[in-house]
Amino acid sequence: MRRDRGGEFHWPYSVAELWADGVVHVLGVVLALAGAVVFFVVMSGRASAVELSTCGVYLATLVLSIAASAAYNVWPVSRTKWLLRRLDHSAIFLLIAGTYTPFIAKMGLWWMLAGVWTVAAIGVFLKLFRPGRYDRLAILLYLALGWSGIVTYEHMVESLPPSVRELILAGGVVYSLGVVFHVWEKLRFQNAIWHGFVLVAASIHFVAVWFSITV
């Protein structure tokens, strides 16, 4: 969504594009909620208290992020939509930090966990209180935070099964490829495609978190 100098809001998508994006978001919300419920039902008897807690943080940020994105993208053009934009973009930082939380905790790298959440908090602050001013910088910050796990590669090898490491990498690649469509504003169905990439990447990381406990 963009604002012109007169303060008017613009949401430059056709009805077909809006429907396509709406379908992606409905599917995302349903999968996120169902996944969270199934996760806790299945894992309550096999995961430790720490694992359940860290995974709970991850699942909370997953549901929040997808729900915020759905609310923002389907809401009619208005000042409320602009406020929802802040929540949506802030929730992305929370999701990145939340996704890392179970893996970093499993590796015992609490300093890394603190660093990831500190950067996420800075990102949330910028999005909530400086909306629309650092959008391109925010994209770089999303990517930098998302790929920050590279510095823990040796610890990943020691603490996480190969299948989990491969899934983490695959999800990161899908997210990164999706950014191409996120910035390709002239492409028809660009927004729906971008959110499709997000849904696929989030699903891959959900499986990675699941395998980190069961494999």
Protein backbone atom coordinates (compact mmCIF):
# COMPACT_ATOMS: atom_id res chain seq x y z
CA MET A 1 0.00 0.00 0.00
CA ARG A 2 1.25 3.47 -0.85
CA ARG A 3 0.35 7.01 0.18
CA ASP A 4 0.59 10.00 -2.11
CA ARG A 5 1.54 13.51 -1.03
CA GLY A 6 -2.06 14.29 -0.24
CA GLY A 7 -2.18 11.47 2.27
CA GLU A 8 -4.49 9.26 0.21
CA PHE A 9 -4.08 5.48 0.42
CA HIS A 10 -3.75 3.28 -2.67
CA TRP A 11 -4.10 -0.50 -2.92
CA PRO A 12 -3.36 -1.11 -6.64
CA TYR A 13 -4.73 -4.63 -7.11
CA SER A 14 -7.54 -5.95 -9.29
CA VAL A 15 -10.49 -7.90 -7.88
CA ALA A 16 -8.96 -11.16 -9.17
CA GLU A 17 -5.65 -10.36 -7.45
CA LEU A 18 -7.42 -9.56 -4.20
CA TRP A 19 -9.35 -12.84 -4.32
CA ALA A 20 -6.19 -14.82 -5.03
CA ASP A 21 -4.37 -13.17 -2.14
CA GLY A 22 -7.38 -13.70 0.11
CA VAL A 23 -7.41 -17.44 -0.65
CA VAL A 24 -3.72 -17.71 0.18
CA HIS A 25 -4.26 -15.94 3.49
CA VAL A 26 -7.29 -18.00 4.48
CA LEU A 27 -5.30 -21.15 3.77
CA GLY A 28 -2.39 -19.75 5.78
CA VAL A 29 -4.48 -18.92 8.83
CA VAL A 30 -6.20 -22.33 8.79
CA LEU A 31 -2.90 -24.19 8.44
CA ALA A 32 -1.20 -22.13 11.16
CA LEU A 33 -3.98 -22.66 13.70
CA ALA A 34 -4.40 -26.35 12.86
CA GLY A 35 -0.64 -26.88 12.93
CA ALA A 36 -0.32 -25.25 16.35
CA VAL A 37 -3.09 -27.40 17.83
CA VAL A 38 -1.76 -30.65 16.33
CA PHE A 39 1.78 -29.79 17.42
CA PHE A 40 0.86 -29.42 21.09
CA VAL A 41 -1.45 -32.45 21.09
CA VAL A 42 1.25 -34.69 19.64
CA MET A 43 4.29 -33.20 21.36
CA SER A 44 2.88 -32.77 24.87
CA GLY A 45 3.89 -36.32 25.73
CA ARG A 46 7.29 -36.46 24.08
CA ALA A 47 8.84 -32.97 24.24
CA SER A 48 10.56 -31.51 27.28
CA ALA A 49 9.25 -28.44 29.08
CA VAL A 50 11.94 -26.28 27.46
CA GLU A 51 11.11 -27.62 24.01
CA LEU A 52 7.40 -27.00 24.49
CA SER A 53 8.08 -23.48 25.75
CA THR A 54 10.40 -22.48 22.90
CA CYS A 55 8.15 -24.11 20.33
CA GLY A 56 5.22 -22.29 21.91
CA VAL A 57 7.00 -19.00 21.28
CA TYR A 58 7.58 -20.02 17.68
CA LEU A 59 3.97 -21.09 17.09
CA ALA A 60 2.63 -17.92 18.70
CA THR A 61 4.70 -15.75 16.35
CA LEU A 62 3.68 -17.89 13.39
CA VAL A 63 -0.05 -17.52 14.07
CA LEU A 64 0.33 -13.82 14.89
CA SER A 65 2.31 -13.09 11.72
CA ILE A 66 -0.07 -14.87 9.35
CA ALA A 67 -3.16 -13.46 11.08
CA ALA A 68 -1.73 -9.94 10.98
CA SER A 69 -0.88 -10.32 7.30
CA ALA A 70 -4.40 -11.57 6.56
CA ALA A 71 -6.03 -8.70 8.44
CA TYR A 72 -3.88 -6.11 6.73
CA ASN A 73 -4.23 -7.46 3.22
CA VAL A 74 -8.01 -8.06 3.25
CA TRP A 75 -8.98 -4.90 5.13
CA PRO A 76 -10.58 -2.17 2.99
CA VAL A 77 -8.40 0.81 2.13
CA SER A 78 -8.56 3.16 5.10
CA ARG A 79 -6.49 4.60 7.92
CA THR A 80 -7.11 1.39 9.82
CA LYS A 81 -5.39 -0.51 7.02
CA TRP A 82 -2.36 1.72 7.46
CA LEU A 83 -2.27 0.83 11.17
CA LEU A 84 -2.61 -2.87 10.35
CA ARG A 85 0.35 -2.47 8.02
CA ARG A 86 2.49 -1.58 11.03
CA LEU A 87 1.37 -4.71 12.86
CA ASP A 88 1.90 -6.92 9.82
CA HIS A 89 5.42 -5.68 9.12
CA SER A 90 6.35 -5.79 12.81
CA ALA A 91 5.12 -9.37 13.11
CA ILE A 92 7.58 -10.47 10.41
CA PHE A 93 10.47 -9.62 12.73
CA LEU A 94 8.78 -11.56 15.52
CA LEU A 95 8.27 -14.57 13.25
CA ILE A 96 11.94 -14.66 12.23
CA ALA A 97 13.08 -14.49 15.86
CA GLY A 98 10.38 -16.94 16.91
CA THR A 99 11.38 -19.45 14.24
CA TYR A 100 14.99 -19.35 15.41
CA THR A 101 14.04 -19.75 19.08
CA PRO A 102 13.55 -23.58 19.24
CA PHE A 103 16.73 -24.25 17.24
CA ILE A 104 18.99 -21.82 19.08
CA ALA A 105 17.67 -23.02 22.45
CA LYS A 106 18.39 -26.60 21.43
CA MET A 107 21.97 -25.56 20.65
CA GLY A 108 22.23 -23.75 23.99
CA LEU A 109 23.37 -20.50 22.37
CA TRP A 110 21.52 -18.10 24.65
CA TRP A 111 23.70 -15.15 23.61
CA MET A 112 22.61 -15.74 20.02
CA LEU A 113 18.98 -15.94 21.07
CA ALA A 114 19.31 -12.64 22.92
CA GLY A 115 20.92 -11.05 19.86
CA VAL A 116 18.22 -12.27 17.48
CA TRP A 117 15.42 -10.95 19.69
CA THR A 118 17.25 -7.64 20.20
CA VAL A 119 17.46 -7.08 16.45
CA ALA A 120 13.82 -8.14 16.10
CA ALA A 121 12.83 -5.62 18.80
CA ILE A 122 14.65 -2.86 16.91
CA GLY A 123 12.82 -3.85 13.74
CA VAL A 124 9.47 -3.84 15.54
CA PHE A 125 10.21 -0.38 16.92
CA LEU A 126 10.99 0.98 13.46
CA LYS A 127 7.85 -0.51 11.96
CA LEU A 128 5.54 0.61 14.75
CA PHE A 129 6.89 4.10 15.34
CA ARG A 130 8.62 4.98 12.04
CA PRO A 131 6.19 3.43 9.53
CA GLY A 132 6.91 3.87 5.84
CA ARG A 133 10.27 5.57 6.39
CA TYR A 134 12.69 2.66 6.26
CA ASP A 135 10.88 0.10 4.10
CA ARG A 136 13.86 -0.82 1.91
CA LEU A 137 16.16 -0.90 4.91
CA ALA A 138 13.64 -3.16 6.65
CA ILE A 139 13.79 -5.67 3.77
CA LEU A 140 17.57 -5.86 4.17
CA LEU A 141 17.14 -6.21 7.92
CA TYR A 142 14.62 -9.04 7.43
CA LEU A 143 17.09 -10.89 5.20
CA ALA A 144 20.07 -10.22 7.47
CA LEU A 145 18.18 -11.45 10.53
CA GLY A 146 16.83 -14.43 8.63
CA TRP A 147 20.28 -15.54 7.51
CA SER A 148 22.05 -14.69 10.77
CA GLY A 149 21.94 -18.36 11.71
CA ILE A 150 24.84 -18.97 9.36
CA VAL A 151 27.19 -17.88 12.14
CA THR A 152 26.02 -20.88 14.19
CA TYR A 153 26.61 -23.44 11.44
CA GLU A 154 29.14 -25.49 13.42
CA HIS A 155 26.76 -25.67 16.37
CA MET A 156 23.94 -26.70 14.04
CA VAL A 157 26.03 -29.58 12.75
CA GLU A 158 26.67 -30.73 16.31
CA SER A 159 23.13 -30.28 17.66
CA LEU A 160 20.64 -30.69 14.81
CA PRO A 161 19.98 -33.68 12.52
CA PRO A 162 20.92 -33.25 8.83
CA SER A 163 17.25 -33.29 7.80
CA VAL A 164 16.49 -30.38 10.12
CA ARG A 165 19.44 -28.34 8.86
CA GLU A 166 18.38 -28.96 5.26
CA LEU A 167 14.81 -27.89 6.01
CA ILE A 168 15.98 -24.70 7.74
CA LEU A 169 18.11 -23.87 4.70
CA ALA A 170 15.32 -24.73 2.25
CA GLY A 171 12.85 -22.50 4.08
CA GLY A 172 15.32 -19.62 4.11
CA VAL A 173 15.91 -19.99 0.36
CA VAL A 174 12.16 -19.99 -0.37
CA TYR A 175 11.64 -16.89 1.78
CA SER A 176 14.52 -15.12 0.02
CA LEU A 177 13.25 -16.03 -3.46
CA GLY A 178 9.84 -14.73 -2.49
CA VAL A 179 11.33 -11.30 -1.77
CA VAL A 180 11.90 -10.96 -5.53
CA PHE A 181 8.14 -11.02 -6.05
CA HIS A 182 7.53 -8.82 -3.02
CA VAL A 183 9.45 -5.95 -4.64
CA TRP A 184 8.25 -6.73 -8.20
CA GLU A 185 5.23 -4.45 -7.87
CA LYS A 186 4.41 -4.29 -11.59
CA LEU A 187 3.91 -8.06 -11.86
CA ARG A 188 0.26 -9.13 -11.88
CA PHE A 189 -0.69 -11.25 -8.84
CA GLN A 190 2.62 -10.17 -7.31
CA ASN A 191 1.18 -9.93 -3.80
CA ALA A 192 -0.50 -13.34 -3.92
CA ILE A 193 2.67 -14.95 -5.29
CA TRP A 194 4.78 -13.37 -2.58
CA HIS A 195 2.44 -14.60 0.14
CA GLY A 196 2.41 -18.03 -1.50
CA PHE A 197 6.18 -18.18 -1.08
CA VAL A 198 5.78 -17.13 2.55
CA LEU A 199 3.25 -19.90 3.16
CA VAL A 200 5.49 -22.55 1.60
CA ALA A 201 8.57 -21.36 3.49
CA ALA A 202 6.68 -21.20 6.79
CA SER A 203 5.41 -24.76 6.20
CA ILE A 204 8.95 -26.00 5.59
CA HIS A 205 10.17 -24.41 8.82
CA PHE A 206 7.20 -25.89 10.70
CA VAL A 207 8.33 -29.35 9.57
CA ALA A 208 11.90 -28.47 10.61
CA VAL A 209 10.73 -27.59 14.13
CA TRP A 210 8.67 -30.79 14.25
CA PHE A 211 11.64 -32.92 13.15
CA SER A 212 13.94 -31.21 15.65
CA ILE A 213 11.95 -33.01 18.35
CA THR A 214 10.94 -36.25 16.66
CA VAL A 215 14.01 -37.19 14.59
